[in-house]
Amino acid sequence: MSLSNRHTLVLSASDVEAIVTEVGMDEIMDQLIGNMTEAFNNFDANKTIIPTRSGFNYTQPELGLIEWMPLHDVGDKMVVKMVGYHPNNPKKYDLPTIVSTISNYDTKTGHLKSLVDGVFLTALRTGSASAIASKLLAHPKSETLGLIGCGAQAITQLHALSRIFPLKKVIFYDIDEATCQSFKNRVAILELPVEYELQPIEQIVATADIICTATSIDIGEGPLFEKCPSKDHLHINAIGSDFPGKTELPIDFLKQSYVCPDFPDQAIKEGECQQLAAEDIGKDLFYCMKNVAQFKHLQKERTVFDSTGLPLEDLIVMDLFLAYAEKMKLGQLIEIETMSEDAKNPYHFVKKERTIDIKQSLKIKQLEYLERNET
């Protein structure tokens, strides 16, 4: 049996960091936007099957959810992202709000081919999706970006949109003062020639060309703003509505805008679309991208991209990083699954002549474990 059939390639956080450092943030983002645009344009529901995500949401021991987002690329592989959303993570546990991993299975055998960090990749692909939707729906000369919610997602939203639009000003707000104060330092790595200004939400809505909302607002506590004046062509990427009962935008704003969901069946359960009747919801992103001419006029009107997250985005970003990992010889091959010498004997490894070797191997592993924990 070959290594690829026996082993799982684990791409850790340090591997991901090495790839981005070597290739460059802008190059990675540009490639991801290009690859994702191509995948959206070529999407065929008969060849790539995407069910709505499922999982568990709860209030104890903390408010949160853990969901699985599956995709079946027919005849090739099956990808599952496991994602946890826990808004108390940053303050209580010094962890990101969104924690996830992406797993990749061979549909010929069921073998786990790869396991990849999904924390950074999720932020990256969500920013890329907003850039693609904004290129389709926002005014092409948009120069002022508003960010409501300045956590991790806001950084990649800004980065992705800066690769598409001639941004000159970024106006931002977060309910947490420390997050606001640290924002400029956190985006400095992007080296963008833009002006940054902290503003109240009402001012952001009134002056921005494009807005990204990515907040941890509690269930039932929306919207983020009420009736506010805005530019006629304002486009909003609604990122933060990802939980039943959690919404960021006022219903009157939604009804006065063209609402484009990424995944309608999912958006009506967890996105901004859960506030709307079917007749108030526009065509999905796939349809709009394949029929660009029909929607060109929307660049001068108010629009909303209801972004709840697509496993196709996870597939594209995973494939991009796995390709770089192969090229750069990164990742660790681990034999996670028991691959019997005799497929019909689960105890194949229990042999007297192997007992000493196995015990010695166990001692080595225990010593390595202790050393890791001590450091």
Protein backbone atom coordinates (compact mmCIF):
# COMPACT_ATOMS: atom_id res chain seq x y z
CA MET A 1 0.00 0.00 0.00
CA SER A 2 1.40 3.43 -0.92
CA LEU A 3 2.07 6.20 1.62
CA SER A 4 -0.84 8.24 0.23
CA ASN A 5 -3.20 5.36 0.97
CA ARG A 6 -1.86 4.66 4.46
CA HIS A 7 -1.06 8.10 5.81
CA THR A 8 -2.90 11.32 6.52
CA LEU A 9 -1.17 14.59 5.69
CA VAL A 10 -1.60 16.94 8.66
CA LEU A 11 -1.12 20.60 7.77
CA SER A 12 -0.70 22.43 11.06
CA ALA A 13 -0.91 26.10 11.96
CA SER A 14 2.88 26.43 11.67
CA ASP A 15 2.77 24.91 8.17
CA VAL A 16 0.07 27.37 7.12
CA GLU A 17 2.10 30.24 8.56
CA ALA A 18 5.19 29.08 6.67
CA ILE A 19 3.27 29.00 3.38
CA VAL A 20 1.89 32.51 3.82
CA THR A 21 5.28 33.86 4.88
CA GLU A 22 7.04 32.31 1.91
CA VAL A 23 4.43 33.04 -0.78
CA GLY A 24 3.22 36.40 0.54
CA MET A 25 -0.17 37.54 1.82
CA ASP A 26 -1.16 39.42 -1.33
CA GLU A 27 -0.20 36.56 -3.65
CA ILE A 28 -2.16 34.08 -1.52
CA MET A 29 -5.23 36.32 -1.44
CA ASP A 30 -5.09 37.05 -5.19
CA GLN A 31 -4.79 33.36 -6.03
CA LEU A 32 -7.62 32.46 -3.67
CA ILE A 33 -9.94 35.09 -5.17
CA GLY A 34 -9.06 33.88 -8.66
CA ASN A 35 -9.52 30.19 -7.83
CA MET A 36 -12.77 30.83 -5.99
CA THR A 37 -14.16 32.97 -8.81
CA GLU A 38 -13.45 30.17 -11.28
CA ALA A 39 -15.05 27.57 -8.98
CA PHE A 40 -18.19 29.69 -8.50
CA ASN A 41 -18.52 30.28 -12.23
CA ASN A 42 -18.13 26.57 -12.99
CA PHE A 43 -20.24 25.28 -10.12
CA ASP A 44 -22.45 22.32 -11.07
CA ALA A 45 -24.79 21.04 -8.35
CA ASN A 46 -24.77 17.58 -9.96
CA LYS A 47 -20.99 17.28 -9.67
CA THR A 48 -20.46 19.09 -6.37
CA ILE A 49 -23.08 18.23 -3.77
CA ILE A 50 -23.42 20.69 -0.88
CA PRO A 51 -25.96 19.92 1.88
CA THR A 52 -26.85 22.58 4.41
CA ARG A 53 -24.63 22.47 7.46
CA SER A 54 -25.82 20.86 10.65
CA GLY A 55 -24.69 20.65 14.23
CA PHE A 56 -25.48 21.61 17.79
CA ASN A 57 -26.00 25.03 19.35
CA TYR A 58 -26.16 25.47 23.10
CA THR A 59 -25.92 27.89 26.00
CA GLN A 60 -24.02 25.68 28.50
CA PRO A 61 -21.20 25.61 29.48
CA GLU A 62 -20.85 28.62 27.14
CA LEU A 63 -22.98 30.11 24.39
CA GLY A 64 -21.83 28.52 21.16
CA LEU A 65 -22.24 25.98 18.44
CA ILE A 66 -20.28 23.25 16.72
CA GLU A 67 -21.30 22.45 13.17
CA TRP A 68 -20.14 20.27 10.32
CA MET A 69 -20.09 21.64 6.77
CA PRO A 70 -19.86 18.79 4.23
CA LEU A 71 -19.20 18.74 0.50
CA HIS A 72 -19.05 15.80 -1.92
CA ASP A 73 -16.96 16.34 -5.02
CA VAL A 74 -18.47 13.42 -6.95
CA GLY A 75 -15.95 10.83 -8.05
CA ASP A 76 -13.10 12.42 -6.13
CA LYS A 77 -13.36 13.43 -2.50
CA MET A 78 -15.54 14.44 0.38
CA VAL A 79 -14.61 17.46 2.49
CA VAL A 80 -15.94 18.26 5.95
CA LYS A 81 -15.18 21.39 7.92
CA MET A 82 -15.84 21.19 11.63
CA VAL A 83 -16.36 24.70 12.95
CA GLY A 84 -17.02 26.02 16.41
CA TYR A 85 -18.42 29.49 17.11
CA HIS A 86 -17.98 30.65 20.70
CA PRO A 87 -18.15 34.44 21.20
CA ASN A 88 -16.68 34.28 24.72
CA ASN A 89 -13.46 32.64 23.51
CA PRO A 90 -11.29 35.77 23.14
CA LYS A 91 -12.01 37.19 26.59
CA LYS A 92 -12.32 34.00 28.65
CA TYR A 93 -9.99 31.52 26.96
CA ASP A 94 -7.66 33.62 24.79
CA LEU A 95 -8.88 31.70 21.73
CA PRO A 96 -10.38 32.87 18.43
CA THR A 97 -14.16 33.17 18.25
CA ILE A 98 -14.12 30.71 15.34
CA VAL A 99 -12.10 27.49 15.71
CA SER A 100 -12.14 24.90 12.96
CA THR A 101 -10.43 22.13 11.01
CA ILE A 102 -10.94 20.90 7.45
CA SER A 103 -10.77 17.17 6.66
CA ASN A 104 -10.49 15.59 3.24
CA TYR A 105 -11.62 12.02 2.52
CA ASP A 106 -11.01 9.71 -0.44
CA THR A 107 -14.41 8.58 -1.71
CA LYS A 108 -12.90 5.39 -3.20
CA THR A 109 -11.88 4.08 0.21
CA GLY A 110 -13.10 6.42 2.95
CA HIS A 111 -9.47 7.12 3.90
CA LEU A 112 -8.73 10.44 5.61
CA LYS A 113 -6.27 11.98 3.13
CA SER A 114 -5.57 15.26 4.87
CA LEU A 115 -6.41 17.33 7.92
CA VAL A 116 -5.83 21.07 7.70
CA ASP A 117 -6.04 24.03 10.06
CA GLY A 118 -9.33 25.80 9.44
CA VAL A 119 -8.99 28.85 11.70
CA PHE A 120 -6.84 30.99 9.41
CA LEU A 121 -8.26 29.39 6.27
CA THR A 122 -11.84 30.26 7.30
CA ALA A 123 -10.99 33.92 7.80
CA LEU A 124 -9.15 33.95 4.48
CA ARG A 125 -11.89 32.32 2.42
CA THR A 126 -14.65 34.45 4.00
CA GLY A 127 -12.78 37.60 3.01
CA SER A 128 -12.30 36.24 -0.49
CA ALA A 129 -16.02 35.48 -0.87
CA SER A 130 -16.91 39.04 0.17
CA ALA A 131 -14.47 40.43 -2.38
CA ILE A 132 -16.08 38.34 -5.13
CA ALA A 133 -19.62 39.33 -4.14
CA SER A 134 -18.60 42.98 -3.82
CA LYS A 135 -16.98 43.00 -7.26
CA LEU A 136 -20.31 41.80 -8.63
CA LEU A 137 -22.67 44.02 -6.59
CA ALA A 138 -20.80 47.07 -5.26
CA HIS A 139 -20.01 50.27 -7.14
CA PRO A 140 -16.73 49.65 -9.02
CA LYS A 141 -15.25 52.97 -7.83
CA SER A 142 -15.96 52.33 -4.16
CA GLU A 143 -13.31 54.08 -2.05
CA THR A 144 -14.67 54.09 1.51
CA LEU A 145 -14.95 50.81 3.39
CA GLY A 146 -16.85 50.53 6.66
CA LEU A 147 -16.07 47.77 9.15
CA ILE A 148 -18.58 47.11 11.91
CA GLY A 149 -16.93 44.56 14.16
CA CYS A 150 -13.13 44.67 14.16
CA GLY A 151 -12.12 41.15 15.15
CA ALA A 152 -10.19 38.60 13.10
CA GLN A 153 -12.71 38.47 10.27
CA ALA A 154 -12.45 42.23 9.71
CA ILE A 155 -8.75 41.96 8.88
CA THR A 156 -9.20 39.51 6.01
CA GLN A 157 -12.32 41.35 4.82
CA LEU A 158 -10.24 44.51 4.49
CA HIS A 159 -7.34 42.67 2.87
CA ALA A 160 -9.52 40.93 0.27
CA LEU A 161 -11.50 44.04 -0.64
CA SER A 162 -8.31 46.09 -0.96
CA ARG A 163 -7.23 43.71 -3.75
CA ILE A 164 -10.36 44.61 -5.77
CA PHE A 165 -11.24 48.23 -4.97
CA PRO A 166 -9.22 51.49 -4.92
CA LEU A 167 -9.80 52.03 -1.20
CA LYS A 168 -8.78 55.39 0.24
CA LYS A 169 -10.50 55.36 3.62
CA VAL A 170 -11.47 52.75 6.19
CA ILE A 171 -13.98 53.73 8.87
CA PHE A 172 -14.44 51.25 11.67
CA TYR A 173 -16.28 50.52 14.91
CA ASP A 174 -16.37 47.79 17.53
CA ILE A 175 -18.35 47.66 20.75
CA ASP A 176 -15.17 46.64 22.58
CA GLU A 177 -12.89 49.62 23.16
CA ALA A 178 -9.71 47.53 23.36
CA THR A 179 -10.51 45.96 19.99
CA CYS A 180 -10.96 49.43 18.48
CA GLN A 181 -7.70 50.65 19.97
CA SER A 182 -5.71 47.70 18.62
CA PHE A 183 -7.26 47.72 15.15
CA LYS A 184 -4.73 49.98 13.42
CA ASN A 185 -1.84 47.98 14.78
CA ARG A 186 -3.39 44.72 13.62
CA VAL A 187 -3.97 45.94 10.05
CA ALA A 188 -0.57 47.64 9.76
CA ILE A 189 0.86 44.39 8.34
CA LEU A 190 -1.28 44.93 5.22
CA GLU A 191 0.62 48.17 4.45
CA LEU A 192 -2.37 49.78 2.78
CA PRO A 193 -2.21 53.44 1.67
CA VAL A 194 -5.51 54.30 3.32
CA GLU A 195 -6.78 56.59 6.05
CA TYR A 196 -8.22 54.91 9.14
CA GLU A 197 -10.88 56.56 11.28
CA LEU A 198 -12.96 55.34 14.22
CA GLN A 199 -16.60 56.38 13.73
CA PRO A 200 -20.00 55.51 15.22
CA ILE A 201 -22.11 52.97 13.34
CA GLU A 202 -24.60 55.59 12.10
CA GLN A 203 -21.79 57.59 10.48
CA ILE A 204 -20.35 54.45 8.89
CA VAL A 205 -23.71 53.59 7.34
CA ALA A 206 -24.13 57.15 6.07
CA THR A 207 -20.73 57.53 4.41
CA ALA A 208 -19.37 54.12 3.34
CA ASP A 209 -19.54 52.68 -0.17
CA ILE A 210 -19.09 49.14 1.13
CA ILE A 211 -19.68 47.83 4.66
CA CYS A 212 -18.69 44.52 6.21
CA THR A 213 -20.56 43.53 9.38
CA ALA A 214 -18.76 40.84 11.36
CA THR A 215 -19.91 41.08 14.96
CA SER A 216 -20.64 38.74 17.85
CA ILE A 217 -23.97 40.39 18.61
CA ASP A 218 -26.13 38.16 20.82
CA ILE A 219 -29.18 36.25 19.65
CA GLY A 220 -32.21 38.53 19.43
CA GLU A 221 -30.21 41.71 20.11
CA GLY A 222 -29.98 42.90 16.51
CA PRO A 223 -30.06 44.98 14.49
CA LEU A 224 -26.78 46.88 14.71
CA PHE A 225 -28.49 50.07 13.52
CA GLU A 226 -31.98 51.33 12.87
CA LYS A 227 -33.12 53.70 10.13
CA CYS A 228 -30.02 55.52 8.90
CA PRO A 229 -29.36 57.48 5.72
CA SER A 230 -26.93 55.82 3.33
CA LYS A 231 -25.51 56.18 -0.14
CA ASP A 232 -27.84 54.93 -2.87
CA HIS A 233 -25.24 52.38 -3.96
CA LEU A 234 -24.26 51.08 -0.49
CA HIS A 235 -23.29 47.41 -0.54
CA ILE A 236 -23.11 45.38 2.70
CA ASN A 237 -21.33 42.07 3.20
CA ALA A 238 -23.26 40.61 6.15
CA ILE A 239 -20.83 38.15 7.72
CA GLY A 240 -21.85 37.90 11.36
CA SER A 241 -25.31 36.33 11.10
CA ASP A 242 -24.37 32.68 11.56
CA PHE A 243 -26.71 31.44 14.28
CA PRO A 244 -30.50 30.94 14.45
CA GLY A 245 -31.99 34.15 15.85
CA LYS A 246 -28.78 36.16 15.38
CA THR A 247 -29.07 38.99 12.83
CA GLU A 248 -27.17 42.22 12.23
CA LEU A 249 -29.21 44.24 9.71
CA PRO A 250 -32.63 45.90 10.16
CA ILE A 251 -35.46 44.30 8.25
CA ASP A 252 -36.47 47.55 6.56
CA PHE A 253 -32.95 47.96 5.15
CA LEU A 254 -33.05 44.39 3.84
CA LYS A 255 -36.44 44.92 2.17
CA GLN A 256 -35.15 48.08 0.47
CA SER A 257 -32.06 46.25 -0.84
CA TYR A 258 -31.31 43.41 -3.24
CA VAL A 259 -30.35 40.52 -0.95
CA CYS A 260 -28.04 37.94 -2.52
CA PRO A 261 -27.44 34.87 -0.31
CA ASP A 262 -24.48 32.57 -0.76
CA PHE A 263 -26.59 29.52 0.13
CA PRO A 264 -30.36 30.22 0.32
CA ASP A 265 -31.39 27.09 2.27
CA GLN A 266 -28.79 27.88 4.90
CA ALA A 267 -29.32 31.65 4.90
CA ILE A 268 -33.00 31.34 5.78
CA LYS A 269 -32.03 29.34 8.87
CA GLU A 270 -28.97 31.22 10.09
CA GLY A 271 -28.40 34.28 7.90
CA GLU A 272 -30.04 37.65 7.39
CA CYS A 273 -32.57 35.89 5.16
CA GLN A 274 -34.21 34.37 8.24
CA GLN A 275 -35.93 37.77 8.58
CA LEU A 276 -37.35 37.72 5.03
CA ALA A 277 -40.12 36.11 3.07
CA ALA A 278 -39.11 34.13 -0.03
CA GLU A 279 -40.19 36.94 -2.37
CA ASP A 280 -37.81 39.36 -0.62
CA ILE A 281 -34.74 37.20 -1.30
CA GLY A 282 -32.79 37.60 -4.53
CA LYS A 283 -30.90 35.06 -6.60
CA ASP A 284 -27.96 33.27 -5.01
CA LEU A 285 -24.34 34.15 -5.67
CA PHE A 286 -23.79 31.28 -8.13
CA TYR A 287 -26.68 32.42 -10.32
CA CYS A 288 -25.66 36.08 -10.20
CA MET A 289 -22.08 35.30 -11.20
CA LYS A 290 -23.20 33.20 -14.15
CA ASN A 291 -25.57 35.94 -15.33
CA VAL A 292 -23.55 39.08 -14.68
CA ALA A 293 -25.28 41.23 -17.30
CA GLN A 294 -28.64 40.78 -15.55
CA PHE A 295 -27.31 42.29 -12.35
CA LYS A 296 -24.99 45.06 -13.59
CA HIS A 297 -27.55 47.70 -12.64
CA LEU A 298 -27.32 46.66 -8.97
CA GLN A 299 -23.92 48.36 -8.69
CA LYS A 300 -25.84 51.64 -8.44
CA GLU A 301 -28.37 50.33 -5.93
CA ARG A 302 -28.37 49.10 -2.32
CA THR A 303 -27.33 45.48 -2.06
CA VAL A 304 -26.60 42.90 0.64
CA PHE A 305 -24.49 39.77 0.37
CA ASP A 306 -25.85 37.36 2.99
CA SER A 307 -22.69 35.36 3.70
CA THR A 308 -23.28 32.28 5.85
CA GLY A 309 -20.32 30.28 4.51
CA LEU A 310 -19.99 27.66 1.79
CA PRO A 311 -18.08 24.36 2.03
CA LEU A 312 -17.03 25.02 -1.57
CA GLU A 313 -15.01 27.95 -0.23
CA ASP A 314 -13.36 25.58 2.25
CA LEU A 315 -12.54 23.13 -0.54
CA ILE A 316 -10.93 25.84 -2.65
CA VAL A 317 -8.80 27.30 0.14
CA MET A 318 -7.82 23.81 1.35
CA ASP A 319 -6.72 22.75 -2.15
CA LEU A 320 -4.67 25.93 -2.51
CA PHE A 321 -2.74 25.31 0.70
CA LEU A 322 -2.31 21.58 0.03
CA ALA A 323 -0.83 22.42 -3.36
CA TYR A 324 1.67 24.76 -1.73
CA ALA A 325 2.41 22.19 0.98
CA GLU A 326 3.27 19.60 -1.66
CA LYS A 327 5.48 22.06 -3.52
CA MET A 328 7.26 23.21 -0.35
CA LYS A 329 7.45 19.71 1.23
CA LEU A 330 5.46 20.78 4.29
CA GLY A 331 3.12 18.88 6.58
CA GLN A 332 3.42 15.70 8.60
CA LEU A 333 2.39 12.25 7.38
CA ILE A 334 0.68 10.36 10.18
CA GLU A 335 -0.81 6.87 10.13
CA ILE A 336 -3.97 7.75 12.06
CA GLU A 337 -6.11 4.85 10.90
CA THR A 338 -5.25 1.24 11.69
CA MET A 339 -4.12 -0.29 8.38
CA SER A 340 -3.97 -4.02 9.09
CA GLU A 341 -1.47 -6.29 7.42
CA ASP A 342 -4.42 -8.65 7.39
CA ALA A 343 -7.56 -6.63 6.68
CA LYS A 344 -9.71 -9.33 8.26
CA ASN A 345 -7.78 -9.44 11.55
CA PRO A 346 -8.06 -6.36 13.78
CA TYR A 347 -5.45 -7.88 16.18
CA HIS A 348 -2.83 -8.32 13.48
CA PHE A 349 -0.30 -6.27 15.47
CA VAL A 350 -0.50 -8.49 18.57
CA LYS A 351 2.47 -10.76 17.88
CA LYS A 352 5.04 -12.04 20.37
CA GLU A 353 7.96 -11.10 18.17
CA ARG A 354 6.68 -7.51 17.98
CA THR A 355 5.87 -7.02 21.67
CA ILE A 356 9.33 -5.67 22.60
CA ASP A 357 9.38 -3.26 19.65
CA ILE A 358 5.90 -1.96 20.47
CA LYS A 359 6.76 -1.43 24.16
CA GLN A 360 9.96 0.40 23.26
CA SER A 361 8.06 2.58 20.83
CA LEU A 362 5.51 3.34 23.57
CA LYS A 363 8.26 4.49 25.96
CA ILE A 364 9.71 6.79 23.31
CA LYS A 365 6.30 8.31 22.60
CA GLN A 366 5.68 8.86 26.32
CA LEU A 367 9.05 10.61 26.73
CA GLU A 368 8.34 12.83 23.70
CA TYR A 369 4.93 13.69 25.19
CA LEU A 370 6.50 14.69 28.51
CA GLU A 371 9.13 16.83 26.77
CA ARG A 372 6.48 18.66 24.75
CA ASN A 373 4.42 19.42 27.85
CA GLU A 374 7.44 20.61 29.81
CA THR A 375 8.33 23.11 27.07
